[in-house]
Amino acid sequence: MSKNKLAFKPNDFVVYPAHGVGKVVSIEKNDIAGIEMEMFVISFEKDKMTLRVPTNKAESTGMRNIASSDVITKAMTTLKGRAKVKRVMWSRRAQEYEQKINSGDLISIAEVVRDLHKQDEGKEQSYSERQLYEAALERLTRELAAANSQDEAATQEEIDTVLGNRTAAA
């Protein structure tokens, strides 16, 4: 592996911070403005999107492999913790949540899910809270499903169980 190239192969699942989990479909060479560039072609099936990332820019974009089992364990432990909601204006918190989701960091995404999970049934979530929660939950679910080679529905049930147990214990 050269200094600035990550070793991704076709059929590898990868995480691209701004879009979540995708699958490397191929590695192709394209001629762009007279310069030959090698690109990872990444498919995001759920979003019906294909992304081409120059192989020499993959690392600087934050593209990475699916989380290791250690990171997954930490993310699940994070979900079990108590919500840590800062007492700042919602717009500021929403901005922080958005940054965590787009960081591509699994533990940060788990923190958003934990913090925005509606604990008491009587309290309604605002539209923007629900949107952020669902975005974080989807990213978390997709990555855990890819890492564990299981379907997203089963992974979603596991996450719901962890969050449900946390609510019951509260």
C-alpha atoms as a PDB file:
ATOM      1  CA  MET A   1       0.000   0.000   0.000  1.00  0.00           C
ATOM      2  CA  SER A   2       1.517   3.306  -1.034  1.00  0.00           C
ATOM      3  CA  LYS A   3       1.659   6.289   1.277  1.00  0.00           C
ATOM      4  CA  ASN A   4      -1.557   8.014   0.175  1.00  0.00           C
ATOM      5  CA  LYS A   5      -3.597   5.127  -1.189  1.00  0.00           C
ATOM      6  CA  LEU A   6      -5.993   3.103   0.883  1.00  0.00           C
ATOM      7  CA  ALA A   7      -6.328  -0.549  -0.022  1.00  0.00           C
ATOM      8  CA  PHE A   8      -9.969  -0.924  -0.982  1.00  0.00           C
ATOM      9  CA  LYS A   9     -11.010  -3.638  -3.406  1.00  0.00           C
ATOM     10  CA  PRO A  10     -14.178  -4.178  -5.402  1.00  0.00           C
ATOM     11  CA  ASN A  11     -16.990  -5.558  -3.174  1.00  0.00           C
ATOM     12  CA  ASP A  12     -15.479  -3.988  -0.030  1.00  0.00           C
ATOM     13  CA  PHE A  13     -17.904  -2.009   2.100  1.00  0.00           C
ATOM     14  CA  VAL A  14     -16.541   1.435   2.955  1.00  0.00           C
ATOM     15  CA  VAL A  15     -17.740   4.442   4.900  1.00  0.00           C
ATOM     16  CA  TYR A  16     -17.717   7.799   3.146  1.00  0.00           C
ATOM     17  CA  PRO A  17     -18.363  10.402   5.885  1.00  0.00           C
ATOM     18  CA  ALA A  18     -20.922  12.531   4.060  1.00  0.00           C
ATOM     19  CA  HIS A  19     -22.918   9.584   2.700  1.00  0.00           C
ATOM     20  CA  GLY A  20     -22.431   6.636   5.036  1.00  0.00           C
ATOM     21  CA  VAL A  21     -21.896   3.027   3.952  1.00  0.00           C
ATOM     22  CA  GLY A  22     -21.253   2.246   0.313  1.00  0.00           C
ATOM     23  CA  LYS A  23     -19.784  -0.613  -1.656  1.00  0.00           C
ATOM     24  CA  VAL A  24     -16.722  -0.333  -3.888  1.00  0.00           C
ATOM     25  CA  VAL A  25     -18.034  -1.491  -7.254  1.00  0.00           C
ATOM     26  CA  SER A  26     -14.813  -1.093  -9.195  1.00  0.00           C
ATOM     27  CA  ILE A  27     -11.589   0.824  -9.555  1.00  0.00           C
ATOM     28  CA  GLU A  28     -11.347   2.603 -12.874  1.00  0.00           C
ATOM     29  CA  LYS A  29      -8.942   4.890 -14.660  1.00  0.00           C
ATOM     30  CA  ASN A  30     -10.419   8.083 -16.085  1.00  0.00           C
ATOM     31  CA  ASP A  31      -8.834  10.759 -18.209  1.00  0.00           C
ATOM     32  CA  ILE A  32      -9.673  14.102 -16.628  1.00  0.00           C
ATOM     33  CA  ALA A  33      -8.321  17.216 -18.321  1.00  0.00           C
ATOM     34  CA  GLY A  34      -5.519  15.176 -19.862  1.00  0.00           C
ATOM     35  CA  ILE A  35      -4.510  13.610 -16.560  1.00  0.00           C
ATOM     36  CA  GLU A  36      -5.146   9.920 -15.975  1.00  0.00           C
ATOM     37  CA  MET A  37      -6.729   9.382 -12.575  1.00  0.00           C
ATOM     38  CA  GLU A  38      -7.510   6.174 -10.771  1.00  0.00           C
ATOM     39  CA  MET A  39     -10.918   6.251  -9.076  1.00  0.00           C
ATOM     40  CA  PHE A  40     -12.830   4.155  -6.586  1.00  0.00           C
ATOM     41  CA  VAL A  41     -16.378   3.751  -7.891  1.00  0.00           C
ATOM     42  CA  ILE A  42     -18.636   3.505  -4.839  1.00  0.00           C
ATOM     43  CA  SER A  43     -22.296   2.588  -4.979  1.00  0.00           C
ATOM     44  CA  PHE A  44     -24.756   3.761  -2.339  1.00  0.00           C
ATOM     45  CA  GLU A  45     -27.683   1.501  -3.239  1.00  0.00           C
ATOM     46  CA  LYS A  46     -30.210   2.912  -0.776  1.00  0.00           C
ATOM     47  CA  ASP A  47     -29.599   6.438  -2.091  1.00  0.00           C
ATOM     48  CA  LYS A  48     -29.379   5.243  -5.716  1.00  0.00           C
ATOM     49  CA  MET A  49     -26.115   7.121  -5.992  1.00  0.00           C
ATOM     50  CA  THR A  50     -22.675   6.369  -7.383  1.00  0.00           C
ATOM     51  CA  LEU A  51     -19.635   8.281  -6.206  1.00  0.00           C
ATOM     52  CA  ARG A  52     -16.211   8.388  -7.825  1.00  0.00           C
ATOM     53  CA  VAL A  53     -13.361   9.164  -5.461  1.00  0.00           C
ATOM     54  CA  PRO A  54      -9.779   9.562  -6.724  1.00  0.00           C
ATOM     55  CA  THR A  55      -7.744   6.818  -5.046  1.00  0.00           C
ATOM     56  CA  ASN A  56      -5.132   9.362  -3.972  1.00  0.00           C
ATOM     57  CA  LYS A  57      -7.816  11.482  -2.249  1.00  0.00           C
ATOM     58  CA  ALA A  58      -9.690   8.692  -0.446  1.00  0.00           C
ATOM     59  CA  GLU A  59      -7.815   9.165   2.817  1.00  0.00           C
ATOM     60  CA  SER A  60      -8.151  12.964   2.853  1.00  0.00           C
ATOM     61  CA  THR A  61     -11.922  12.678   2.289  1.00  0.00           C
ATOM     62  CA  GLY A  62     -12.158  10.515   5.400  1.00  0.00           C
ATOM     63  CA  MET A  63     -13.139   7.376   3.507  1.00  0.00           C
ATOM     64  CA  ARG A  64     -12.507   4.354   5.701  1.00  0.00           C
ATOM     65  CA  ASN A  65     -13.156   0.668   6.192  1.00  0.00           C
ATOM     66  CA  ILE A  66     -16.195  -0.554   8.085  1.00  0.00           C
ATOM     67  CA  ALA A  67     -15.671  -0.238  11.838  1.00  0.00           C
ATOM     68  CA  SER A  68     -13.766  -2.946  13.691  1.00  0.00           C
ATOM     69  CA  SER A  69     -15.477  -5.095  16.310  1.00  0.00           C
ATOM     70  CA  ASP A  70     -13.855  -2.972  19.058  1.00  0.00           C
ATOM     71  CA  VAL A  71     -15.395   0.206  17.664  1.00  0.00           C
ATOM     72  CA  ILE A  72     -18.761  -1.520  17.234  1.00  0.00           C
ATOM     73  CA  THR A  73     -18.654  -2.664  20.873  1.00  0.00           C
ATOM     74  CA  LYS A  74     -17.878   0.925  21.976  1.00  0.00           C
ATOM     75  CA  ALA A  75     -20.731   2.267  19.814  1.00  0.00           C
ATOM     76  CA  MET A  76     -23.210  -0.217  21.343  1.00  0.00           C
ATOM     77  CA  THR A  77     -21.955   0.688  24.834  1.00  0.00           C
ATOM     78  CA  THR A  78     -22.455   4.359  23.940  1.00  0.00           C
ATOM     79  CA  LEU A  79     -26.076   3.607  23.007  1.00  0.00           C
ATOM     80  CA  LYS A  80     -26.640   2.077  26.460  1.00  0.00           C
ATOM     81  CA  GLY A  81     -25.452   5.227  28.230  1.00  0.00           C
ATOM     82  CA  ARG A  82     -27.505   8.128  29.516  1.00  0.00           C
ATOM     83  CA  ALA A  83     -28.395  10.876  27.064  1.00  0.00           C
ATOM     84  CA  LYS A  84     -26.062  13.837  27.376  1.00  0.00           C
ATOM     85  CA  VAL A  85     -28.038  16.812  26.169  1.00  0.00           C
ATOM     86  CA  LYS A  86     -26.265  20.138  26.446  1.00  0.00           C
ATOM     87  CA  ARG A  87     -28.244  23.078  27.700  1.00  0.00           C
ATOM     88  CA  VAL A  88     -27.623  25.254  24.671  1.00  0.00           C
ATOM     89  CA  MET A  89     -29.972  26.529  21.993  1.00  0.00           C
ATOM     90  CA  TRP A  90     -31.419  23.849  19.723  1.00  0.00           C
ATOM     91  CA  SER A  91     -29.863  25.402  16.601  1.00  0.00           C
ATOM     92  CA  ARG A  92     -26.396  25.034  18.119  1.00  0.00           C
ATOM     93  CA  ARG A  93     -27.059  21.459  19.259  1.00  0.00           C
ATOM     94  CA  ALA A  94     -28.536  20.572  15.860  1.00  0.00           C
ATOM     95  CA  GLN A  95     -25.376  21.877  14.205  1.00  0.00           C
ATOM     96  CA  GLU A  96     -23.220  19.715  16.498  1.00  0.00           C
ATOM     97  CA  TYR A  97     -25.380  16.646  15.821  1.00  0.00           C
ATOM     98  CA  GLU A  98     -25.121  17.257  12.071  1.00  0.00           C
ATOM     99  CA  GLN A  99     -21.312  17.488  12.344  1.00  0.00           C
ATOM    100  CA  LYS A 100     -21.183  14.235  14.309  1.00  0.00           C
ATOM    101  CA  ILE A 101     -23.337  12.441  11.728  1.00  0.00           C
ATOM    102  CA  ASN A 102     -21.242  13.722   8.812  1.00  0.00           C
ATOM    103  CA  SER A 103     -17.952  12.956  10.576  1.00  0.00           C
ATOM    104  CA  GLY A 104     -18.473   9.310   9.671  1.00  0.00           C
ATOM    105  CA  ASP A 105     -17.260   8.358  13.163  1.00  0.00           C
ATOM    106  CA  LEU A 106     -19.424   5.472  14.378  1.00  0.00           C
ATOM    107  CA  ILE A 107     -19.165   6.382  18.059  1.00  0.00           C
ATOM    108  CA  SER A 108     -20.146  10.019  17.370  1.00  0.00           C
ATOM    109  CA  ILE A 109     -23.131   8.771  15.362  1.00  0.00           C
ATOM    110  CA  ALA A 110     -24.105   6.452  18.234  1.00  0.00           C
ATOM    111  CA  GLU A 111     -23.954   9.477  20.580  1.00  0.00           C
ATOM    112  CA  VAL A 112     -26.461  11.320  18.377  1.00  0.00           C
ATOM    113  CA  VAL A 113     -28.793   8.303  18.349  1.00  0.00           C
ATOM    114  CA  ARG A 114     -28.497   7.984  22.139  1.00  0.00           C
ATOM    115  CA  ASP A 115     -29.022  11.701  22.786  1.00  0.00           C
ATOM    116  CA  LEU A 116     -31.995  12.099  20.439  1.00  0.00           C
ATOM    117  CA  HIS A 117     -33.732   8.810  21.249  1.00  0.00           C
ATOM    118  CA  LYS A 118     -37.142   9.751  22.610  1.00  0.00           C
ATOM    119  CA  GLN A 119     -37.182   8.336  26.140  1.00  0.00           C
ATOM    120  CA  ASP A 120     -40.509   9.345  27.561  1.00  0.00           C
ATOM    121  CA  GLU A 121     -43.417   8.607  25.286  1.00  0.00           C
ATOM    122  CA  GLY A 122     -45.256  11.760  26.320  1.00  0.00           C
ATOM    123  CA  LYS A 123     -42.624  14.091  24.908  1.00  0.00           C
ATOM    124  CA  GLU A 124     -42.885  14.841  21.203  1.00  0.00           C
ATOM    125  CA  GLN A 125     -39.805  15.306  19.075  1.00  0.00           C
ATOM    126  CA  SER A 126     -39.649  18.301  16.791  1.00  0.00           C
ATOM    127  CA  TYR A 127     -39.418  17.671  13.068  1.00  0.00           C
ATOM    128  CA  SER A 128     -35.729  18.617  12.959  1.00  0.00           C
ATOM    129  CA  GLU A 129     -34.924  16.405  15.973  1.00  0.00           C
ATOM    130  CA  ARG A 130     -36.662  13.477  14.305  1.00  0.00           C
ATOM    131  CA  GLN A 131     -34.827  14.116  11.014  1.00  0.00           C
ATOM    132  CA  LEU A 132     -31.419  14.135  12.725  1.00  0.00           C
ATOM    133  CA  TYR A 133     -32.301  11.088  14.812  1.00  0.00           C
ATOM    134  CA  GLU A 134     -33.420   9.112  11.762  1.00  0.00           C
ATOM    135  CA  ALA A 135     -30.334  10.123   9.755  1.00  0.00           C
ATOM    136  CA  ALA A 136     -28.017   9.030  12.575  1.00  0.00           C
ATOM    137  CA  LEU A 137     -29.971   5.822  13.180  1.00  0.00           C
ATOM    138  CA  GLU A 138     -29.837   4.921   9.485  1.00  0.00           C
ATOM    139  CA  ARG A 139     -26.056   5.487   9.312  1.00  0.00           C
ATOM    140  CA  LEU A 140     -25.516   3.433  12.464  1.00  0.00           C
ATOM    141  CA  THR A 141     -27.793   0.630  11.272  1.00  0.00           C
ATOM    142  CA  ARG A 142     -26.180   0.425   7.827  1.00  0.00           C
ATOM    143  CA  GLU A 143     -22.657   0.247   9.174  1.00  0.00           C
ATOM    144  CA  LEU A 144     -23.457  -2.311  11.881  1.00  0.00           C
ATOM    145  CA  ALA A 145     -25.354  -4.432   9.333  1.00  0.00           C
ATOM    146  CA  ALA A 146     -22.414  -4.327   6.895  1.00  0.00           C
ATOM    147  CA  ALA A 147     -19.902  -5.071   9.656  1.00  0.00           C
ATOM    148  CA  ASN A 148     -21.912  -8.025  10.966  1.00  0.00           C
ATOM    149  CA  SER A 149     -22.955  -9.304   7.520  1.00  0.00           C
ATOM    150  CA  GLN A 150     -26.615  -9.220   8.451  1.00  0.00           C
ATOM    151  CA  ASP A 151     -29.630  -7.463   7.034  1.00  0.00           C
ATOM    152  CA  GLU A 152     -30.586  -3.997   8.217  1.00  0.00           C
ATOM    153  CA  ALA A 153     -33.923  -5.091   9.695  1.00  0.00           C
ATOM    154  CA  ALA A 154     -32.220  -7.494  12.130  1.00  0.00           C
ATOM    155  CA  THR A 155     -29.636  -4.855  13.003  1.00  0.00           C
ATOM    156  CA  GLN A 156     -32.402  -2.291  13.539  1.00  0.00           C
ATOM    157  CA  GLU A 157     -34.105  -4.680  15.973  1.00  0.00           C
ATOM    158  CA  GLU A 158     -30.866  -5.079  17.959  1.00  0.00           C
ATOM    159  CA  ILE A 159     -30.446  -1.307  18.204  1.00  0.00           C
ATOM    160  CA  ASP A 160     -34.118  -0.872  19.206  1.00  0.00           C
ATOM    161  CA  THR A 161     -33.649  -3.511  21.912  1.00  0.00           C
ATOM    162  CA  VAL A 162     -30.596  -1.714  23.320  1.00  0.00           C
ATOM    163  CA  LEU A 163     -32.422   1.641  23.265  1.00  0.00           C
ATOM    164  CA  GLY A 164     -35.578   0.067  24.707  1.00  0.00           C
ATOM    165  CA  ASN A 165     -33.664  -1.524  27.567  1.00  0.00           C
ATOM    166  CA  ARG A 166     -32.058   1.794  28.300  1.00  0.00           C
ATOM    167  CA  THR A 167     -35.462   3.475  28.427  1.00  0.00           C
ATOM    168  CA  ALA A 168     -36.829   0.765  30.737  1.00  0.00           C
ATOM    169  CA  ALA A 169     -33.861   1.195  33.092  1.00  0.00           C
ATOM    170  CA  ALA A 170     -34.225   4.983  33.223  1.00  0.00           C
END
